[in-house]
Amino acid sequence: MVLEVDGIQHYTRNGGTEPDSAKYAAAMAGDRALKFRGYEVFRFGHDELRDRDRAQPLLANFFATLLDRPTGSRVPQSAGG
């Protein structure tokens, strides 16, 4: 499982003033590579986690839901591939 906090600054250059399509493409290639290896990627937006009072129930619900899934879910047996 990979948790990622997504935000526009990850895909920009020059202090966040210009989009960087190469950074975005690299991130998407990494996302696909993880999925092909059997990992599930759960992304969170910056605004979801910026405020602690809003983030705590969101994450508590996320992990409760995640842990409540059937044990047959797609979870890799080893990180070695």
PDB file of N, CA and C in Angstrom:
ATOM      1  N   MET A   1       0.849  -1.165   0.000  1.00  0.00           N
ATOM      2  CA  MET A   1       0.000   0.000   0.000  1.00  0.00           C
ATOM      3  C   MET A   1       0.895   1.228   0.000  1.00  0.00           C
ATOM      4  N   VAL A   2       0.502   2.225  -0.762  1.00  0.00           N
ATOM      5  CA  VAL A   2       1.219   3.491  -0.811  1.00  0.00           C
ATOM      6  C   VAL A   2       0.221   4.590  -0.513  1.00  0.00           C
ATOM      7  N   LEU A   3       0.550   5.441   0.434  1.00  0.00           N
ATOM      8  CA  LEU A   3      -0.260   6.623   0.696  1.00  0.00           C
ATOM      9  C   LEU A   3       0.485   7.819   0.144  1.00  0.00           C
ATOM     10  N   GLU A   4      -0.196   8.608  -0.605  1.00  0.00           N
ATOM     11  CA  GLU A   4       0.454   9.774  -1.195  1.00  0.00           C
ATOM     12  C   GLU A   4      -0.423  10.988  -0.990  1.00  0.00           C
ATOM     13  N   VAL A   5       0.204  12.070  -0.592  1.00  0.00           N
ATOM     14  CA  VAL A   5      -0.508  13.339  -0.512  1.00  0.00           C
ATOM     15  C   VAL A   5      -0.223  14.072  -1.807  1.00  0.00           C
ATOM     16  N   ASP A   6      -1.274  14.305  -2.568  1.00  0.00           N
ATOM     17  CA  ASP A   6      -1.138  14.883  -3.897  1.00  0.00           C
ATOM     18  C   ASP A   6      -1.315  16.390  -3.830  1.00  0.00           C
ATOM     19  N   GLY A   7      -0.512  17.098  -4.554  1.00  0.00           N
ATOM     20  CA  GLY A   7      -0.644  18.547  -4.606  1.00  0.00           C
ATOM     21  C   GLY A   7       0.020  19.091  -5.842  1.00  0.00           C
ATOM     22  N   ILE A   8      -0.463  20.203  -6.295  1.00  0.00           N
ATOM     23  CA  ILE A   8       0.037  20.773  -7.543  1.00  0.00           C
ATOM     24  C   ILE A   8       1.531  21.064  -7.471  1.00  0.00           C
ATOM     25  N   GLN A   9       2.054  21.409  -6.295  1.00  0.00           N
ATOM     26  CA  GLN A   9       3.468  21.741  -6.198  1.00  0.00           C
ATOM     27  C   GLN A   9       4.369  20.574  -6.563  1.00  0.00           C
ATOM     28  N   HIS A  10       3.881  19.372  -6.518  1.00  0.00           N
ATOM     29  CA  HIS A  10       4.684  18.211  -6.892  1.00  0.00           C
ATOM     30  C   HIS A  10       4.951  18.158  -8.392  1.00  0.00           C
ATOM     31  N   TYR A  11       4.139  18.837  -9.151  1.00  0.00           N
ATOM     32  CA  TYR A  11       4.227  18.758 -10.603  1.00  0.00           C
ATOM     33  C   TYR A  11       4.481  20.118 -11.227  1.00  0.00           C
ATOM     34  N   THR A  12       5.233  20.960 -10.498  1.00  0.00           N
ATOM     35  CA  THR A  12       5.551  22.290 -11.010  1.00  0.00           C
ATOM     36  C   THR A  12       7.041  22.553 -10.870  1.00  0.00           C
ATOM     37  N   ARG A  13       7.481  23.623 -11.503  1.00  0.00           N
ATOM     38  CA  ARG A  13       8.862  24.079 -11.364  1.00  0.00           C
ATOM     39  C   ARG A  13       8.828  25.591 -11.142  1.00  0.00           C
ATOM     40  N   ASN A  14       9.979  26.160 -10.927  1.00  0.00           N
ATOM     41  CA  ASN A  14      10.098  27.604 -10.686  1.00  0.00           C
ATOM     42  C   ASN A  14       9.197  28.069  -9.546  1.00  0.00           C
ATOM     43  N   GLY A  15       9.328  27.372  -8.421  1.00  0.00           N
ATOM     44  CA  GLY A  15       8.569  27.773  -7.234  1.00  0.00           C
ATOM     45  C   GLY A  15       7.074  27.602  -7.352  1.00  0.00           C
ATOM     46  N   GLY A  16       6.641  26.665  -8.165  1.00  0.00           N
ATOM     47  CA  GLY A  16       5.221  26.390  -8.312  1.00  0.00           C
ATOM     48  C   GLY A  16       4.523  27.268  -9.331  1.00  0.00           C
ATOM     49  N   THR A  17       5.297  28.023 -10.105  1.00  0.00           N
ATOM     50  CA  THR A  17       4.677  28.941 -11.070  1.00  0.00           C
ATOM     51  C   THR A  17       4.459  28.333 -12.441  1.00  0.00           C
ATOM     52  N   GLU A  18       5.148  27.235 -12.760  1.00  0.00           N
ATOM     53  CA  GLU A  18       5.023  26.619 -14.087  1.00  0.00           C
ATOM     54  C   GLU A  18       4.732  25.133 -13.953  1.00  0.00           C
ATOM     55  N   PRO A  19       3.780  24.633 -14.719  1.00  0.00           N
ATOM     56  CA  PRO A  19       3.544  23.184 -14.726  1.00  0.00           C
ATOM     57  C   PRO A  19       4.776  22.451 -15.243  1.00  0.00           C
ATOM     58  N   ASP A  20       5.015  21.272 -14.695  1.00  0.00           N
ATOM     59  CA  ASP A  20       6.138  20.440 -15.144  1.00  0.00           C
ATOM     60  C   ASP A  20       5.579  19.097 -15.587  1.00  0.00           C
ATOM     61  N   SER A  21       5.279  18.984 -16.870  1.00  0.00           N
ATOM     62  CA  SER A  21       4.660  17.756 -17.377  1.00  0.00           C
ATOM     63  C   SER A  21       5.592  16.559 -17.261  1.00  0.00           C
ATOM     64  N   ALA A  22       6.901  16.767 -17.265  1.00  0.00           N
ATOM     65  CA  ALA A  22       7.842  15.650 -17.111  1.00  0.00           C
ATOM     66  C   ALA A  22       7.753  15.068 -15.705  1.00  0.00           C
ATOM     67  N   LYS A  23       7.640  15.917 -14.685  1.00  0.00           N
ATOM     68  CA  LYS A  23       7.475  15.423 -13.308  1.00  0.00           C
ATOM     69  C   LYS A  23       6.175  14.638 -13.182  1.00  0.00           C
ATOM     70  N   TYR A  24       5.123  15.183 -13.776  1.00  0.00           N
ATOM     71  CA  TYR A  24       3.831  14.506 -13.707  1.00  0.00           C
ATOM     72  C   TYR A  24       3.901  13.154 -14.402  1.00  0.00           C
ATOM     73  N   ALA A  25       4.518  13.106 -15.581  1.00  0.00           N
ATOM     74  CA  ALA A  25       4.641  11.854 -16.322  1.00  0.00           C
ATOM     75  C   ALA A  25       5.441  10.824 -15.519  1.00  0.00           C
ATOM     76  N   ALA A  26       6.502  11.264 -14.870  1.00  0.00           N
ATOM     77  CA  ALA A  26       7.313  10.348 -14.052  1.00  0.00           C
ATOM     78  C   ALA A  26       6.493   9.797 -12.886  1.00  0.00           C
ATOM     79  N   ALA A  27       5.688  10.648 -12.274  1.00  0.00           N
ATOM     80  CA  ALA A  27       4.849  10.194 -11.164  1.00  0.00           C
ATOM     81  C   ALA A  27       3.814   9.184 -11.637  1.00  0.00           C
ATOM     82  N   MET A  28       3.230   9.428 -12.792  1.00  0.00           N
ATOM     83  CA  MET A  28       2.221   8.501 -13.316  1.00  0.00           C
ATOM     84  C   MET A  28       2.858   7.171 -13.724  1.00  0.00           C
ATOM     85  N   ALA A  29       4.067   7.217 -14.260  1.00  0.00           N
ATOM     86  CA  ALA A  29       4.783   5.974 -14.590  1.00  0.00           C
ATOM     87  C   ALA A  29       5.062   5.189 -13.319  1.00  0.00           C
ATOM     88  N   GLY A  30       5.452   5.878 -12.258  1.00  0.00           N
ATOM     89  CA  GLY A  30       5.673   5.213 -10.973  1.00  0.00           C
ATOM     90  C   GLY A  30       4.398   4.606 -10.427  1.00  0.00           C
ATOM     91  N   ASP A  31       3.290   5.316 -10.580  1.00  0.00           N
ATOM     92  CA  ASP A  31       1.992   4.814 -10.148  1.00  0.00           C
ATOM     93  C   ASP A  31       1.645   3.519 -10.886  1.00  0.00           C
ATOM     94  N   ARG A  32       1.840   3.516 -12.195  1.00  0.00           N
ATOM     95  CA  ARG A  32       1.563   2.301 -12.981  1.00  0.00           C
ATOM     96  C   ARG A  32       2.480   1.156 -12.562  1.00  0.00           C
ATOM     97  N   ALA A  33       3.754   1.451 -12.348  1.00  0.00           N
ATOM     98  CA  ALA A  33       4.704   0.398 -11.948  1.00  0.00           C
ATOM     99  C   ALA A  33       4.282  -0.241 -10.626  1.00  0.00           C
ATOM    100  N   LEU A  34       3.843   0.571  -9.673  1.00  0.00           N
ATOM    101  CA  LEU A  34       3.372   0.024  -8.396  1.00  0.00           C
ATOM    102  C   LEU A  34       2.149  -0.861  -8.604  1.00  0.00           C
ATOM    103  N   LYS A  35       1.227  -0.411  -9.422  1.00  0.00           N
ATOM    104  CA  LYS A  35       0.009  -1.197  -9.666  1.00  0.00           C
ATOM    105  C   LYS A  35       0.329  -2.514 -10.357  1.00  0.00           C
ATOM    106  N   PHE A  36       1.257  -2.497 -11.311  1.00  0.00           N
ATOM    107  CA  PHE A  36       1.640  -3.740 -11.980  1.00  0.00           C
ATOM    108  C   PHE A  36       2.303  -4.716 -11.007  1.00  0.00           C
ATOM    109  N   ARG A  37       2.926  -4.207  -9.948  1.00  0.00           N
ATOM    110  CA  ARG A  37       3.547  -5.078  -8.944  1.00  0.00           C
ATOM    111  C   ARG A  37       2.548  -5.515  -7.883  1.00  0.00           C
ATOM    112  N   GLY A  38       1.294  -5.084  -8.016  1.00  0.00           N
ATOM    113  CA  GLY A  38       0.250  -5.544  -7.109  1.00  0.00           C
ATOM    114  C   GLY A  38      -0.094  -4.585  -5.989  1.00  0.00           C
ATOM    115  N   TYR A  39       0.531  -3.425  -5.960  1.00  0.00           N
ATOM    116  CA  TYR A  39       0.225  -2.454  -4.921  1.00  0.00           C
ATOM    117  C   TYR A  39      -1.000  -1.643  -5.287  1.00  0.00           C
ATOM    118  N   GLU A  40      -1.712  -1.175  -4.280  1.00  0.00           N
ATOM    119  CA  GLU A  40      -2.800  -0.239  -4.475  1.00  0.00           C
ATOM    120  C   GLU A  40      -2.321   1.122  -3.981  1.00  0.00           C
ATOM    121  N   VAL A  41      -2.639   2.145  -4.718  1.00  0.00           N
ATOM    122  CA  VAL A  41      -2.204   3.495  -4.371  1.00  0.00           C
ATOM    123  C   VAL A  41      -3.426   4.282  -3.934  1.00  0.00           C
ATOM    124  N   PHE A  42      -3.363   4.847  -2.746  1.00  0.00           N
ATOM    125  CA  PHE A  42      -4.439   5.679  -2.225  1.00  0.00           C
ATOM    126  C   PHE A  42      -3.901   7.099  -2.117  1.00  0.00           C
ATOM    127  N   ARG A  43      -4.505   8.006  -2.833  1.00  0.00           N
ATOM    128  CA  ARG A  43      -4.030   9.387  -2.872  1.00  0.00           C
ATOM    129  C   ARG A  43      -4.936  10.282  -2.036  1.00  0.00           C
ATOM    130  N   PHE A  44      -4.302  11.242  -1.394  1.00  0.00           N
ATOM    131  CA  PHE A  44      -5.020  12.253  -0.634  1.00  0.00           C
ATOM    132  C   PHE A  44      -4.589  13.617  -1.136  1.00  0.00           C
ATOM    133  N   GLY A  45      -5.527  14.518  -1.239  1.00  0.00           N
ATOM    134  CA  GLY A  45      -5.215  15.882  -1.635  1.00  0.00           C
ATOM    135  C   GLY A  45      -4.736  16.699  -0.441  1.00  0.00           C
ATOM    136  N   HIS A  46      -3.898  17.654  -0.725  1.00  0.00           N
ATOM    137  CA  HIS A  46      -3.358  18.523   0.320  1.00  0.00           C
ATOM    138  C   HIS A  46      -4.469  19.133   1.174  1.00  0.00           C
ATOM    139  N   ASP A  47      -5.519  19.618   0.542  1.00  0.00           N
ATOM    140  CA  ASP A  47      -6.595  20.270   1.284  1.00  0.00           C
ATOM    141  C   ASP A  47      -7.315  19.315   2.232  1.00  0.00           C
ATOM    142  N   GLU A  48      -7.307  18.039   1.934  1.00  0.00           N
ATOM    143  CA  GLU A  48      -7.940  17.063   2.831  1.00  0.00           C
ATOM    144  C   GLU A  48      -7.185  16.922   4.150  1.00  0.00           C
ATOM    145  N   LEU A  49      -5.876  17.132   4.101  1.00  0.00           N
ATOM    146  CA  LEU A  49      -5.038  16.863   5.273  1.00  0.00           C
ATOM    147  C   LEU A  49      -4.474  18.118   5.926  1.00  0.00           C
ATOM    148  N   ARG A  50      -4.739  19.268   5.359  1.00  0.00           N
ATOM    149  CA  ARG A  50      -4.148  20.515   5.855  1.00  0.00           C
ATOM    150  C   ARG A  50      -4.621  20.839   7.270  1.00  0.00           C
ATOM    151  N   ASP A  51      -5.892  20.614   7.536  1.00  0.00           N
ATOM    152  CA  ASP A  51      -6.478  20.940   8.833  1.00  0.00           C
ATOM    153  C   ASP A  51      -6.612  19.664   9.664  1.00  0.00           C
ATOM    154  N   ARG A  52      -5.965  19.654  10.836  1.00  0.00           N
ATOM    155  CA  ARG A  52      -5.953  18.456  11.684  1.00  0.00           C
ATOM    156  C   ARG A  52      -7.360  17.998  12.055  1.00  0.00           C
ATOM    157  N   ASP A  53      -8.249  18.933  12.395  1.00  0.00           N
ATOM    158  CA  ASP A  53      -9.602  18.561  12.800  1.00  0.00           C
ATOM    159  C   ASP A  53     -10.381  17.903  11.665  1.00  0.00           C
ATOM    160  N   ARG A  54     -10.085  18.264  10.446  1.00  0.00           N
ATOM    161  CA  ARG A  54     -10.731  17.641   9.288  1.00  0.00           C
ATOM    162  C   ARG A  54     -10.030  16.343   8.898  1.00  0.00           C
ATOM    163  N   ALA A  55      -8.714  16.317   9.038  1.00  0.00           N
ATOM    164  CA  ALA A  55      -7.929  15.158   8.606  1.00  0.00           C
ATOM    165  C   ALA A  55      -8.133  13.948   9.515  1.00  0.00           C
ATOM    166  N   GLN A  56      -8.216  14.156  10.821  1.00  0.00           N
ATOM    167  CA  GLN A  56      -8.304  13.012  11.733  1.00  0.00           C
ATOM    168  C   GLN A  56      -9.503  12.104  11.452  1.00  0.00           C
ATOM    169  N   PRO A  57     -10.717  12.636  11.321  1.00  0.00           N
ATOM    170  CA  PRO A  57     -11.828  11.715  11.022  1.00  0.00           C
ATOM    171  C   PRO A  57     -11.724  11.100   9.625  1.00  0.00           C
ATOM    172  N   LEU A  58     -11.207  11.861   8.678  1.00  0.00           N
ATOM    173  CA  LEU A  58     -11.043  11.332   7.325  1.00  0.00           C
ATOM    174  C   LEU A  58     -10.096  10.140   7.343  1.00  0.00           C
ATOM    175  N   LEU A  59      -8.946  10.292   8.000  1.00  0.00           N
ATOM    176  CA  LEU A  59      -7.964   9.201   8.049  1.00  0.00           C
ATOM    177  C   LEU A  59      -8.449   8.044   8.916  1.00  0.00           C
ATOM    178  N   ALA A  60      -9.149   8.347  10.007  1.00  0.00           N
ATOM    179  CA  ALA A  60      -9.689   7.274  10.846  1.00  0.00           C
ATOM    180  C   ALA A  60     -10.669   6.426  10.038  1.00  0.00           C
ATOM    181  N   ASN A  61     -11.536   7.090   9.266  1.00  0.00           N
ATOM    182  CA  ASN A  61     -12.490   6.368   8.430  1.00  0.00           C
ATOM    183  C   ASN A  61     -11.772   5.591   7.326  1.00  0.00           C
ATOM    184  N   PHE A  62     -10.750   6.220   6.725  1.00  0.00           N
ATOM    185  CA  PHE A  62      -9.990   5.542   5.673  1.00  0.00           C
ATOM    186  C   PHE A  62      -9.368   4.250   6.198  1.00  0.00           C
ATOM    187  N   PHE A  63      -8.671   4.328   7.321  1.00  0.00           N
ATOM    188  CA  PHE A  63      -7.998   3.134   7.843  1.00  0.00           C
ATOM    189  C   PHE A  63      -8.999   2.096   8.353  1.00  0.00           C
ATOM    190  N   ALA A  64     -10.109   2.535   8.936  1.00  0.00           N
ATOM    191  CA  ALA A  64     -11.135   1.579   9.363  1.00  0.00           C
ATOM    192  C   ALA A  64     -11.683   0.826   8.159  1.00  0.00           C
ATOM    193  N   THR A  65     -11.950   1.553   7.080  1.00  0.00           N
ATOM    194  CA  THR A  65     -12.449   0.929   5.854  1.00  0.00           C
ATOM    195  C   THR A  65     -11.398   0.009   5.251  1.00  0.00           C
ATOM    196  N   LEU A  66     -10.156   0.466   5.228  1.00  0.00           N
ATOM    197  CA  LEU A  66      -9.061  -0.331   4.669  1.00  0.00           C
ATOM    198  C   LEU A  66      -8.888  -1.632   5.442  1.00  0.00           C
ATOM    199  N   LEU A  67      -8.906  -1.554   6.752  1.00  0.00           N
ATOM    200  CA  LEU A  67      -8.684  -2.741   7.581  1.00  0.00           C
ATOM    201  C   LEU A  67      -9.894  -3.657   7.621  1.00  0.00           C
ATOM    202  N   ASP A  68     -11.045  -3.155   7.214  1.00  0.00           N
ATOM    203  CA  ASP A  68     -12.277  -3.933   7.211  1.00  0.00           C
ATOM    204  C   ASP A  68     -12.467  -4.720   5.917  1.00  0.00           C
ATOM    205  N   ARG A  69     -11.572  -4.507   4.943  1.00  0.00           N
ATOM    206  CA  ARG A  69     -11.692  -5.200   3.655  1.00  0.00           C
ATOM    207  C   ARG A  69     -11.400  -6.690   3.821  1.00  0.00           C
ATOM    208  N   PRO A  70     -11.953  -7.495   2.940  1.00  0.00           N
ATOM    209  CA  PRO A  70     -11.661  -8.930   2.996  1.00  0.00           C
ATOM    210  C   PRO A  70     -10.159  -9.188   2.871  1.00  0.00           C
ATOM    211  N   THR A  71      -9.684 -10.252   3.509  1.00  0.00           N
ATOM    212  CA  THR A  71      -8.251 -10.551   3.499  1.00  0.00           C
ATOM    213  C   THR A  71      -7.754 -10.969   2.132  1.00  0.00           C
ATOM    214  N   GLY A  72      -8.630 -11.278   1.209  1.00  0.00           N
ATOM    215  CA  GLY A  72      -8.228 -11.670  -0.138  1.00  0.00           C
ATOM    216  C   GLY A  72      -7.927 -10.482  -1.041  1.00  0.00           C
ATOM    217  N   SER A  73      -7.870  -9.280  -0.485  1.00  0.00           N
ATOM    218  CA  SER A  73      -7.596  -8.093  -1.297  1.00  0.00           C
ATOM    219  C   SER A  73      -6.228  -8.194  -1.934  1.00  0.00           C
ATOM    220  N   ARG A  74      -6.040  -7.415  -2.985  1.00  0.00           N
ATOM    221  CA  ARG A  74      -4.777  -7.427  -3.722  1.00  0.00           C
ATOM    222  C   ARG A  74      -3.680  -6.779  -2.895  1.00  0.00           C
ATOM    223  N   VAL A  75      -2.950  -7.553  -2.150  1.00  0.00           N
ATOM    224  CA  VAL A  75      -1.809  -7.076  -1.383  1.00  0.00           C
ATOM    225  C   VAL A  75      -0.608  -7.912  -1.786  1.00  0.00           C
ATOM    226  N   PRO A  76       0.492  -7.280  -2.193  1.00  0.00           N
ATOM    227  CA  PRO A  76       1.650  -8.046  -2.641  1.00  0.00           C
ATOM    228  C   PRO A  76       2.204  -8.939  -1.540  1.00  0.00           C
ATOM    229  N   GLN A  77       2.681 -10.104  -1.932  1.00  0.00           N
ATOM    230  CA  GLN A  77       3.287 -11.026  -0.977  1.00  0.00           C
ATOM    231  C   GLN A  77       4.693 -10.588  -0.585  1.00  0.00           C
ATOM    232  N   SER A  78       5.407  -9.958  -1.502  1.00  0.00           N
ATOM    233  CA  SER A  78       6.741  -9.450  -1.181  1.00  0.00           C
ATOM    234  C   SER A  78       6.993  -8.216  -2.011  1.00  0.00           C
ATOM    235  N   ALA A  79       7.787  -7.324  -1.477  1.00  0.00           N
ATOM    236  CA  ALA A  79       8.116  -6.097  -2.199  1.00  0.00           C
ATOM    237  C   ALA A  79       9.162  -6.376  -3.278  1.00  0.00           C
ATOM    238  N   GLY A  80       9.768  -7.528  -3.250  1.00  0.00           N
ATOM    239  CA  GLY A  80      10.821  -7.856  -4.200  1.00  0.00           C
ATOM    240  C   GLY A  80      10.342  -8.104  -5.614  1.00  0.00           C
ATOM    241  N   GLY A  81       9.033  -8.239  -5.811  1.00  0.00           N
ATOM    242  CA  GLY A  81       8.484  -8.380  -7.143  1.00  0.00           C
ATOM    243  C   GLY A  81       8.475  -9.783  -7.598  1.00  0.00           C
TER     244      GLY A  81
END
